[in-house]
Every structure is written in C-alpha cells, then in structure tokens.
Amino acid sequence: MDSITKTKLSEDQIIMLAKKAFGDDRIVKDIRELNDGFFNSGFVIGLEDGRKTVLKVSPMKDIKVMRYEKNIMDTEVFVLNKLNSVQGVPAPKVLPTKFP
C-alpha cells in the first residue's frame, strides 16, 4: 500500500543497510517488499547464508504525523523487547541497529 509515511528505498539502499547491519562480507540474495502495512516501510531480506530478516524503516523526519505516531517504532521495539523477556511468549528478536 502506498502511504506518505512509507519511506521509499532503492535496492542499493537496502543492500547498503543490510551490509551495515550484518557486515560488508554478507551477500543479499533477495529482497521482498512487505506491502500490507500502513505506516512504516518493510522489507524481507534474504542473505546468502540462508538467514532472513525484516528491515523496517520509519517515516522521514520531515513527514508530518499525528502526535501519537511520533517515534512509534521506538515503542514497537520497546514492546517486542519486553515480550522477548517473558519466557514462552513468541515474539521476533529485534536486532539493535539504528541508522541516522
């Protein structure tokens, strides 16, 4: 879904972010955009070693959003980390990578 809050990234930009997160020696095998969300951009990144990860990208700082939407990804990371601290609750692991 297209949305003003979804940051558009080129394949080269996604590869650059994956290399920053996982190391320059990692090879990105495939990239698939997740289209169902309304707010953040999301991409499934497949690495050559078989690992898959999701890259989520928040809106650019100059995009006007509702007050409750500001820093919404920080809230999501906080909640996922809390869920991961509770034994038996399935939740995705958040990789501690943040880019300017």
PDB file of N, CA and C in Angstrom:
ATOM      1  N   MET A   1       0.840  -1.173   0.000  1.00  0.00           N
ATOM      2  CA  MET A   1       0.000   0.000   0.000  1.00  0.00           C
ATOM      3  C   MET A   1       0.887   1.238   0.000  1.00  0.00           C
ATOM      4  N   ASP A   2       0.550   2.199  -0.798  1.00  0.00           N
ATOM      5  CA  ASP A   2       1.282   3.458  -0.817  1.00  0.00           C
ATOM      6  C   ASP A   2       0.769   4.353   0.296  1.00  0.00           C
ATOM      7  N   SER A   3       1.691   5.038   0.932  1.00  0.00           N
ATOM      8  CA  SER A   3       1.353   5.947   2.024  1.00  0.00           C
ATOM      9  C   SER A   3       2.431   7.019   2.088  1.00  0.00           C
ATOM     10  N   ILE A   4       2.060   8.218   2.472  1.00  0.00           N
ATOM     11  CA  ILE A   4       3.027   9.312   2.584  1.00  0.00           C
ATOM     12  C   ILE A   4       4.083   9.007   3.646  1.00  0.00           C
ATOM     13  N   THR A   5       3.761   8.179   4.615  1.00  0.00           N
ATOM     14  CA  THR A   5       4.712   7.866   5.693  1.00  0.00           C
ATOM     15  C   THR A   5       5.695   6.770   5.317  1.00  0.00           C
ATOM     16  N   LYS A   6       5.435   6.043   4.249  1.00  0.00           N
ATOM     17  CA  LYS A   6       6.325   4.946   3.855  1.00  0.00           C
ATOM     18  C   LYS A   6       7.533   5.498   3.099  1.00  0.00           C
ATOM     19  N   THR A   7       8.705   5.286   3.659  1.00  0.00           N
ATOM     20  CA  THR A   7       9.945   5.743   3.048  1.00  0.00           C
ATOM     21  C   THR A   7      10.287   4.840   1.871  1.00  0.00           C
ATOM     22  N   LYS A   8      10.522   5.433   0.729  1.00  0.00           N
ATOM     23  CA  LYS A   8      10.902   4.670  -0.464  1.00  0.00           C
ATOM     24  C   LYS A   8      12.404   4.425  -0.433  1.00  0.00           C
ATOM     25  N   LEU A   9      12.812   3.182  -0.640  1.00  0.00           N
ATOM     26  CA  LEU A   9      14.229   2.827  -0.688  1.00  0.00           C
ATOM     27  C   LEU A   9      14.516   2.073  -1.975  1.00  0.00           C
ATOM     28  N   SER A  10      15.670   2.350  -2.538  1.00  0.00           N
ATOM     29  CA  SER A  10      16.108   1.595  -3.710  1.00  0.00           C
ATOM     30  C   SER A  10      16.725   0.278  -3.244  1.00  0.00           C
ATOM     31  N   GLU A  11      16.911  -0.637  -4.174  1.00  0.00           N
ATOM     32  CA  GLU A  11      17.554  -1.910  -3.852  1.00  0.00           C
ATOM     33  C   GLU A  11      18.970  -1.665  -3.321  1.00  0.00           C
ATOM     34  N   ASP A  12      19.679  -0.727  -3.927  1.00  0.00           N
ATOM     35  CA  ASP A  12      21.039  -0.405  -3.479  1.00  0.00           C
ATOM     36  C   ASP A  12      21.045   0.116  -2.041  1.00  0.00           C
ATOM     37  N   GLN A  13      20.075   0.941  -1.684  1.00  0.00           N
ATOM     38  CA  GLN A  13      19.990   1.452  -0.310  1.00  0.00           C
ATOM     39  C   GLN A  13      19.713   0.324   0.683  1.00  0.00           C
ATOM     40  N   ILE A  14      18.838  -0.598   0.315  1.00  0.00           N
ATOM     41  CA  ILE A  14      18.516  -1.727   1.197  1.00  0.00           C
ATOM     42  C   ILE A  14      19.748  -2.613   1.383  1.00  0.00           C
ATOM     43  N   ILE A  15      20.472  -2.870   0.305  1.00  0.00           N
ATOM     44  CA  ILE A  15      21.692  -3.678   0.394  1.00  0.00           C
ATOM     45  C   ILE A  15      22.718  -2.990   1.291  1.00  0.00           C
ATOM     46  N   MET A  16      22.862  -1.665   1.147  1.00  0.00           N
ATOM     47  CA  MET A  16      23.800  -0.915   1.977  1.00  0.00           C
ATOM     48  C   MET A  16      23.427  -1.033   3.459  1.00  0.00           C
ATOM     49  N   LEU A  17      22.140  -0.918   3.785  1.00  0.00           N
ATOM     50  CA  LEU A  17      21.697  -1.033   5.178  1.00  0.00           C
ATOM     51  C   LEU A  17      21.933  -2.441   5.711  1.00  0.00           C
ATOM     52  N   ALA A  18      21.690  -3.453   4.882  1.00  0.00           N
ATOM     53  CA  ALA A  18      21.930  -4.839   5.312  1.00  0.00           C
ATOM     54  C   ALA A  18      23.410  -5.062   5.591  1.00  0.00           C
ATOM     55  N   LYS A  19      24.273  -4.517   4.755  1.00  0.00           N
ATOM     56  CA  LYS A  19      25.711  -4.670   4.963  1.00  0.00           C
ATOM     57  C   LYS A  19      26.171  -3.928   6.220  1.00  0.00           C
ATOM     58  N   LYS A  20      25.572  -2.781   6.509  1.00  0.00           N
ATOM     59  CA  LYS A  20      25.905  -2.063   7.740  1.00  0.00           C
ATOM     60  C   LYS A  20      25.491  -2.874   8.963  1.00  0.00           C
ATOM     61  N   ALA A  21      24.359  -3.550   8.859  1.00  0.00           N
ATOM     62  CA  ALA A  21      23.847  -4.316   9.996  1.00  0.00           C
ATOM     63  C   ALA A  21      24.568  -5.642  10.180  1.00  0.00           C
ATOM     64  N   PHE A  22      24.912  -6.323   9.092  1.00  0.00           N
ATOM     65  CA  PHE A  22      25.428  -7.688   9.176  1.00  0.00           C
ATOM     66  C   PHE A  22      26.884  -7.834   8.753  1.00  0.00           C
ATOM     67  N   GLY A  23      27.468  -6.781   8.191  1.00  0.00           N
ATOM     68  CA  GLY A  23      28.865  -6.835   7.764  1.00  0.00           C
ATOM     69  C   GLY A  23      28.989  -6.753   6.250  1.00  0.00           C
ATOM     70  N   ASP A  24      30.068  -6.119   5.814  1.00  0.00           N
ATOM     71  CA  ASP A  24      30.291  -5.918   4.382  1.00  0.00           C
ATOM     72  C   ASP A  24      30.464  -7.211   3.607  1.00  0.00           C
ATOM     73  N   ASP A  25      30.809  -8.292   4.308  1.00  0.00           N
ATOM     74  CA  ASP A  25      31.029  -9.563   3.624  1.00  0.00           C
ATOM     75  C   ASP A  25      29.733 -10.323   3.352  1.00  0.00           C
ATOM     76  N   ARG A  26      28.630  -9.860   3.901  1.00  0.00           N
ATOM     77  CA  ARG A  26      27.335 -10.535   3.684  1.00  0.00           C
ATOM     78  C   ARG A  26      26.801 -10.203   2.299  1.00  0.00           C
ATOM     79  N   ILE A  27      26.206 -11.203   1.667  1.00  0.00           N
ATOM     80  CA  ILE A  27      25.628 -11.019   0.345  1.00  0.00           C
ATOM     81  C   ILE A  27      24.114 -11.120   0.455  1.00  0.00           C
ATOM     82  N   VAL A  28      23.425 -10.093  -0.037  1.00  0.00           N
ATOM     83  CA  VAL A  28      21.962 -10.083  -0.048  1.00  0.00           C
ATOM     84  C   VAL A  28      21.511 -10.901  -1.254  1.00  0.00           C
ATOM     85  N   LYS A  29      20.735 -11.935  -0.964  1.00  0.00           N
ATOM     86  CA  LYS A  29      20.284 -12.845  -2.021  1.00  0.00           C
ATOM     87  C   LYS A  29      18.971 -12.349  -2.637  1.00  0.00           C
ATOM     88  N   ASP A  30      18.049 -11.929  -1.798  1.00  0.00           N
ATOM     89  CA  ASP A  30      16.785 -11.424  -2.336  1.00  0.00           C
ATOM     90  C   ASP A  30      16.159 -10.403  -1.381  1.00  0.00           C
ATOM     91  N   ILE A  31      15.305  -9.570  -1.949  1.00  0.00           N
ATOM     92  CA  ILE A  31      14.589  -8.532  -1.208  1.00  0.00           C
ATOM     93  C   ILE A  31      13.132  -8.580  -1.655  1.00  0.00           C
ATOM     94  N   ARG A  32      12.241  -8.589  -0.682  1.00  0.00           N
ATOM     95  CA  ARG A  32      10.799  -8.571  -0.987  1.00  0.00           C
ATOM     96  C   ARG A  32      10.143  -7.505  -0.128  1.00  0.00           C
ATOM     97  N   GLU A  33       9.426  -6.598  -0.769  1.00  0.00           N
ATOM     98  CA  GLU A  33       8.741  -5.544  -0.014  1.00  0.00           C
ATOM     99  C   GLU A  33       7.492  -6.109   0.654  1.00  0.00           C
ATOM    100  N   LEU A  34       7.265  -5.690   1.891  1.00  0.00           N
ATOM    101  CA  LEU A  34       6.035  -6.035   2.610  1.00  0.00           C
ATOM    102  C   LEU A  34       5.050  -4.892   2.369  1.00  0.00           C
ATOM    103  N   ASN A  35       3.970  -5.185   1.699  1.00  0.00           N
ATOM    104  CA  ASN A  35       3.056  -4.131   1.248  1.00  0.00           C
ATOM    105  C   ASN A  35       1.839  -3.905   2.126  1.00  0.00           C
ATOM    106  N   ASP A  36       1.613  -4.758   3.116  1.00  0.00           N
ATOM    107  CA  ASP A  36       0.353  -4.705   3.852  1.00  0.00           C
ATOM    108  C   ASP A  36       0.252  -3.586   4.885  1.00  0.00           C
ATOM    109  N   GLY A  37       1.366  -3.079   5.381  1.00  0.00           N
ATOM    110  CA  GLY A  37       1.328  -2.077   6.439  1.00  0.00           C
ATOM    111  C   GLY A  37       0.877  -0.720   5.930  1.00  0.00           C
ATOM    112  N   PHE A  38       0.533   0.156   6.884  1.00  0.00           N
ATOM    113  CA  PHE A  38       0.047   1.485   6.544  1.00  0.00           C
ATOM    114  C   PHE A  38       1.027   2.586   6.914  1.00  0.00           C
ATOM    115  N   PHE A  39       2.028   2.312   7.745  1.00  0.00           N
ATOM    116  CA  PHE A  39       2.829   3.384   8.315  1.00  0.00           C
ATOM    117  C   PHE A  39       4.312   3.276   7.954  1.00  0.00           C
ATOM    118  N   ASN A  40       4.975   2.206   8.381  1.00  0.00           N
ATOM    119  CA  ASN A  40       6.398   2.010   8.106  1.00  0.00           C
ATOM    120  C   ASN A  40       6.584   1.227   6.812  1.00  0.00           C
ATOM    121  N   SER A  41       7.750   1.403   6.197  1.00  0.00           N
ATOM    122  CA  SER A  41       8.124   0.546   5.077  1.00  0.00           C
ATOM    123  C   SER A  41       8.722  -0.729   5.655  1.00  0.00           C
ATOM    124  N   GLY A  42       8.504  -1.831   4.983  1.00  0.00           N
ATOM    125  CA  GLY A  42       9.067  -3.095   5.454  1.00  0.00           C
ATOM    126  C   GLY A  42       9.557  -3.933   4.297  1.00  0.00           C
ATOM    127  N   PHE A  43      10.666  -4.630   4.536  1.00  0.00           N
ATOM    128  CA  PHE A  43      11.271  -5.470   3.513  1.00  0.00           C
ATOM    129  C   PHE A  43      11.787  -6.751   4.157  1.00  0.00           C
ATOM    130  N   VAL A  44      11.540  -7.883   3.509  1.00  0.00           N
ATOM    131  CA  VAL A  44      12.157  -9.144   3.914  1.00  0.00           C
ATOM    132  C   VAL A  44      13.458  -9.247   3.121  1.00  0.00           C
ATOM    133  N   ILE A  45      14.552  -9.438   3.848  1.00  0.00           N
ATOM    134  CA  ILE A  45      15.865  -9.545   3.216  1.00  0.00           C
ATOM    135  C   ILE A  45      16.387 -10.957   3.446  1.00  0.00           C
ATOM    136  N   GLY A  46      16.689 -11.632   2.352  1.00  0.00           N
ATOM    137  CA  GLY A  46      17.287 -12.962   2.422  1.00  0.00           C
ATOM    138  C   GLY A  46      18.781 -12.853   2.191  1.00  0.00           C
ATOM    139  N   LEU A  47      19.557 -13.405   3.113  1.00  0.00           N
ATOM    140  CA  LEU A  47      21.008 -13.387   2.982  1.00  0.00           C
ATOM    141  C   LEU A  47      21.491 -14.701   2.382  1.00  0.00           C
ATOM    142  N   GLU A  48      22.664 -14.664   1.770  1.00  0.00           N
ATOM    143  CA  GLU A  48      23.198 -15.847   1.096  1.00  0.00           C
ATOM    144  C   GLU A  48      23.412 -17.024   2.046  1.00  0.00           C
ATOM    145  N   ASP A  49      23.646 -16.736   3.342  1.00  0.00           N
ATOM    146  CA  ASP A  49      23.863 -17.814   4.318  1.00  0.00           C
ATOM    147  C   ASP A  49      22.559 -18.469   4.776  1.00  0.00           C
ATOM    148  N   GLY A  50      21.435 -18.061   4.185  1.00  0.00           N
ATOM    149  CA  GLY A  50      20.143 -18.668   4.493  1.00  0.00           C
ATOM    150  C   GLY A  50      19.305 -17.906   5.501  1.00  0.00           C
ATOM    151  N   ARG A  51      19.902 -16.950   6.198  1.00  0.00           N
ATOM    152  CA  ARG A  51      19.139 -16.171   7.166  1.00  0.00           C
ATOM    153  C   ARG A  51      18.192 -15.212   6.451  1.00  0.00           C
ATOM    154  N   LYS A  52      17.071 -14.957   7.111  1.00  0.00           N
ATOM    155  CA  LYS A  52      16.120 -13.963   6.641  1.00  0.00           C
ATOM    156  C   LYS A  52      15.865 -12.990   7.777  1.00  0.00           C
ATOM    157  N   THR A  53      15.690 -11.752   7.413  1.00  0.00           N
ATOM    158  CA  THR A  53      15.412 -10.724   8.401  1.00  0.00           C
ATOM    159  C   THR A  53      14.431  -9.719   7.808  1.00  0.00           C
ATOM    160  N   VAL A  54      13.842  -8.925   8.668  1.00  0.00           N
ATOM    161  CA  VAL A  54      12.931  -7.883   8.214  1.00  0.00           C
ATOM    162  C   VAL A  54      13.549  -6.531   8.529  1.00  0.00           C
ATOM    163  N   LEU A  55      13.598  -5.686   7.529  1.00  0.00           N
ATOM    164  CA  LEU A  55      14.036  -4.308   7.696  1.00  0.00           C
ATOM    165  C   LEU A  55      12.791  -3.442   7.740  1.00  0.00           C
ATOM    166  N   LYS A  56      12.653  -2.693   8.829  1.00  0.00           N
ATOM    167  CA  LYS A  56      11.548  -1.741   8.921  1.00  0.00           C
ATOM    168  C   LYS A  56      12.145  -0.344   8.909  1.00  0.00           C
ATOM    169  N   VAL A  57      11.519   0.540   8.162  1.00  0.00           N
ATOM    170  CA  VAL A  57      12.012   1.905   8.007  1.00  0.00           C
ATOM    171  C   VAL A  57      10.896   2.865   8.381  1.00  0.00           C
ATOM    172  N   SER A  58      11.197   3.726   9.337  1.00  0.00           N
ATOM    173  CA  SER A  58      10.201   4.703   9.783  1.00  0.00           C
ATOM    174  C   SER A  58      10.108   5.859   8.786  1.00  0.00           C
ATOM    175  N   PRO A  59       9.077   6.686   8.921  1.00  0.00           N
ATOM    176  CA  PRO A  59       8.942   7.842   8.030  1.00  0.00           C
ATOM    177  C   PRO A  59      10.107   8.817   8.204  1.00  0.00           C
ATOM    178  N   MET A  60      10.382   9.560   7.163  1.00  0.00           N
ATOM    179  CA  MET A  60      11.398  10.602   7.220  1.00  0.00           C
ATOM    180  C   MET A  60      10.978  11.636   8.268  1.00  0.00           C
ATOM    181  N   LYS A  61      11.960  12.294   8.868  1.00  0.00           N
ATOM    182  CA  LYS A  61      11.693  13.249   9.957  1.00  0.00           C
ATOM    183  C   LYS A  61      10.809  14.422   9.526  1.00  0.00           C
ATOM    184  N   ASP A  62      10.854  14.797   8.250  1.00  0.00           N
ATOM    185  CA  ASP A  62      10.085  15.956   7.797  1.00  0.00           C
ATOM    186  C   ASP A  62       8.633  15.635   7.443  1.00  0.00           C
ATOM    187  N   ILE A  63       8.237  14.361   7.533  1.00  0.00           N
ATOM    188  CA  ILE A  63       6.854  13.968   7.261  1.00  0.00           C
ATOM    189  C   ILE A  63       6.008  14.279   8.493  1.00  0.00           C
ATOM    190  N   LYS A  64       4.917  14.991   8.280  1.00  0.00           N
ATOM    191  CA  LYS A  64       4.031  15.327   9.398  1.00  0.00           C
ATOM    192  C   LYS A  64       3.173  14.117   9.742  1.00  0.00           C
ATOM    193  N   VAL A  65       3.194  13.763  11.023  1.00  0.00           N
ATOM    194  CA  VAL A  65       2.395  12.639  11.513  1.00  0.00           C
ATOM    195  C   VAL A  65       1.609  13.095  12.739  1.00  0.00           C
ATOM    196  N   MET A  66       0.649  12.299  13.118  1.00  0.00           N
ATOM    197  CA  MET A  66      -0.126  12.598  14.318  1.00  0.00           C
ATOM    198  C   MET A  66       0.799  12.505  15.536  1.00  0.00           C
ATOM    199  N   ARG A  67       0.448  13.206  16.584  1.00  0.00           N
ATOM    200  CA  ARG A  67       1.281  13.237  17.786  1.00  0.00           C
ATOM    201  C   ARG A  67       1.572  11.830  18.312  1.00  0.00           C
ATOM    202  N   TYR A  68       0.578  10.971  18.329  1.00  0.00           N
ATOM    203  CA  TYR A  68       0.775   9.621  18.867  1.00  0.00           C
ATOM    204  C   TYR A  68       1.614   8.747  17.935  1.00  0.00           C
ATOM    205  N   GLU A  69       1.817   9.174  16.684  1.00  0.00           N
ATOM    206  CA  GLU A  69       2.625   8.393  15.746  1.00  0.00           C
ATOM    207  C   GLU A  69       4.115   8.738  15.809  1.00  0.00           C
ATOM    208  N   LYS A  70       4.470   9.829  16.469  1.00  0.00           N
ATOM    209  CA  LYS A  70       5.882  10.211  16.573  1.00  0.00           C
ATOM    210  C   LYS A  70       6.631   9.137  17.360  1.00  0.00           C
ATOM    211  N   ASN A  71       7.742   8.725  16.837  1.00  0.00           N
ATOM    212  CA  ASN A  71       8.587   7.702  17.471  1.00  0.00           C
ATOM    213  C   ASN A  71       7.856   6.381  17.710  1.00  0.00           C
ATOM    214  N   ILE A  72       6.898   6.070  16.869  1.00  0.00           N
ATOM    215  CA  ILE A  72       6.095   4.856  17.061  1.00  0.00           C
ATOM    216  C   ILE A  72       6.952   3.590  16.952  1.00  0.00           C
ATOM    217  N   MET A  73       8.017   3.631  16.129  1.00  0.00           N
ATOM    218  CA  MET A  73       8.864   2.448  16.018  1.00  0.00           C
ATOM    219  C   MET A  73       9.649   2.213  17.303  1.00  0.00           C
ATOM    220  N   ASP A  74      10.023   3.278  18.006  1.00  0.00           N
ATOM    221  CA  ASP A  74      10.692   3.105  19.300  1.00  0.00           C
ATOM    222  C   ASP A  74       9.779   2.355  20.272  1.00  0.00           C
ATOM    223  N   THR A  75       8.495   2.667  20.240  1.00  0.00           N
ATOM    224  CA  THR A  75       7.521   1.978  21.093  1.00  0.00           C
ATOM    225  C   THR A  75       7.412   0.512  20.697  1.00  0.00           C
ATOM    226  N   GLU A  76       7.393   0.249  19.400  1.00  0.00           N
ATOM    227  CA  GLU A  76       7.312  -1.134  18.921  1.00  0.00           C
ATOM    228  C   GLU A  76       8.526  -1.939  19.384  1.00  0.00           C
ATOM    229  N   VAL A  77       9.707  -1.366  19.274  1.00  0.00           N
ATOM    230  CA  VAL A  77      10.927  -2.043  19.716  1.00  0.00           C
ATOM    231  C   VAL A  77      10.869  -2.301  21.217  1.00  0.00           C
ATOM    232  N   PHE A  78      10.419  -1.320  21.984  1.00  0.00           N
ATOM    233  CA  PHE A  78      10.302  -1.475  23.440  1.00  0.00           C
ATOM    234  C   PHE A  78       9.375  -2.650  23.780  1.00  0.00           C
ATOM    235  N   VAL A  79       8.220  -2.705  23.136  1.00  0.00           N
ATOM    236  CA  VAL A  79       7.243  -3.767  23.421  1.00  0.00           C
ATOM    237  C   VAL A  79       7.793  -5.132  23.008  1.00  0.00           C
ATOM    238  N   LEU A  80       8.404  -5.218  21.831  1.00  0.00           N
ATOM    239  CA  LEU A  80       8.958  -6.506  21.391  1.00  0.00           C
ATOM    240  C   LEU A  80      10.059  -6.980  22.328  1.00  0.00           C
ATOM    241  N   ASN A  81      10.902  -6.065  22.787  1.00  0.00           N
ATOM    242  CA  ASN A  81      11.944  -6.458  23.737  1.00  0.00           C
ATOM    243  C   ASN A  81      11.349  -6.920  25.061  1.00  0.00           C
ATOM    244  N   LYS A  82      10.297  -6.278  25.533  1.00  0.00           N
ATOM    245  CA  LYS A  82       9.613  -6.718  26.755  1.00  0.00           C
ATOM    246  C   LYS A  82       9.026  -8.113  26.556  1.00  0.00           C
ATOM    247  N   LEU A  83       8.377  -8.341  25.416  1.00  0.00           N
ATOM    248  CA  LEU A  83       7.802  -9.657  25.140  1.00  0.00           C
ATOM    249  C   LEU A  83       8.883 -10.729  25.091  1.00  0.00           C
ATOM    250  N   ASN A  84      10.035 -10.389  24.527  1.00  0.00           N
ATOM    251  CA  ASN A  84      11.137 -11.347  24.460  1.00  0.00           C
ATOM    252  C   ASN A  84      11.693 -11.690  25.834  1.00  0.00           C
ATOM    253  N   SER A  85      11.470 -10.830  26.802  1.00  0.00           N
ATOM    254  CA  SER A  85      11.972 -11.102  28.151  1.00  0.00           C
ATOM    255  C   SER A  85      11.038 -12.022  28.941  1.00  0.00           C
ATOM    256  N   VAL A  86       9.858 -12.307  28.407  1.00  0.00           N
ATOM    257  CA  VAL A  86       8.898 -13.196  29.068  1.00  0.00           C
ATOM    258  C   VAL A  86       9.013 -14.580  28.433  1.00  0.00           C
ATOM    259  N   GLN A  87       9.369 -15.554  29.246  1.00  0.00           N
ATOM    260  CA  GLN A  87       9.545 -16.914  28.745  1.00  0.00           C
ATOM    261  C   GLN A  87       8.222 -17.473  28.239  1.00  0.00           C
ATOM    262  N   GLY A  88       8.274 -18.084  27.054  1.00  0.00           N
ATOM    263  CA  GLY A  88       7.105 -18.734  26.486  1.00  0.00           C
ATOM    264  C   GLY A  88       6.246 -17.848  25.609  1.00  0.00           C
ATOM    265  N   VAL A  89       6.588 -16.560  25.510  1.00  0.00           N
ATOM    266  CA  VAL A  89       5.826 -15.657  24.649  1.00  0.00           C
ATOM    267  C   VAL A  89       6.596 -15.501  23.337  1.00  0.00           C
ATOM    268  N   PRO A  90       6.003 -15.974  22.236  1.00  0.00           N
ATOM    269  CA  PRO A  90       6.721 -15.859  20.966  1.00  0.00           C
ATOM    270  C   PRO A  90       6.697 -14.417  20.448  1.00  0.00           C
ATOM    271  N   ALA A  91       7.872 -13.908  20.121  1.00  0.00           N
ATOM    272  CA  ALA A  91       7.988 -12.556  19.571  1.00  0.00           C
ATOM    273  C   ALA A  91       9.270 -12.496  18.757  1.00  0.00           C
ATOM    274  N   PRO A  92       9.273 -11.716  17.685  1.00  0.00           N
ATOM    275  CA  PRO A  92      10.503 -11.620  16.896  1.00  0.00           C
ATOM    276  C   PRO A  92      11.622 -10.938  17.669  1.00  0.00           C
ATOM    277  N   LYS A  93      12.843 -11.367  17.415  1.00  0.00           N
ATOM    278  CA  LYS A  93      14.015 -10.765  18.041  1.00  0.00           C
ATOM    279  C   LYS A  93      14.331  -9.458  17.312  1.00  0.00           C
ATOM    280  N   VAL A  94      14.571  -8.426  18.059  1.00  0.00           N
ATOM    281  CA  VAL A  94      14.905  -7.130  17.485  1.00  0.00           C
ATOM    282  C   VAL A  94      16.424  -6.984  17.488  1.00  0.00           C
ATOM    283  N   LEU A  95      16.976  -6.730  16.321  1.00  0.00           N
ATOM    284  CA  LEU A  95      18.412  -6.506  16.224  1.00  0.00           C
ATOM    285  C   LEU A  95      18.699  -5.049  16.595  1.00  0.00           C
ATOM    286  N   PRO A  96      19.677  -4.815  17.434  1.00  0.00           N
ATOM    287  CA  PRO A  96      19.926  -3.459  17.939  1.00  0.00           C
ATOM    288  C   PRO A  96      20.686  -2.573  16.958  1.00  0.00           C
ATOM    289  N   THR A  97      20.070  -2.322  15.812  1.00  0.00           N
ATOM    290  CA  THR A  97      20.701  -1.486  14.804  1.00  0.00           C
ATOM    291  C   THR A  97      19.805  -0.303  14.511  1.00  0.00           C
ATOM    292  N   LYS A  98      20.386   0.866  14.606  1.00  0.00           N
ATOM    293  CA  LYS A  98      19.640   2.084  14.309  1.00  0.00           C
ATOM    294  C   LYS A  98      20.520   2.951  13.428  1.00  0.00           C
ATOM    295  N   PHE A  99      19.954   3.487  12.385  1.00  0.00           N
ATOM    296  CA  PHE A  99      20.709   4.312  11.469  1.00  0.00           C
ATOM    297  C   PHE A  99      20.210   5.745  11.549  1.00  0.00           C
ATOM    298  N   PRO A 100      21.128   6.690  11.334  1.00  0.00           N
ATOM    299  CA  PRO A 100      20.710   8.105  11.384  1.00  0.00           C
ATOM    300  C   PRO A 100      19.750   8.473  10.284  1.00  0.00           C
TER     301      PRO A 100
END
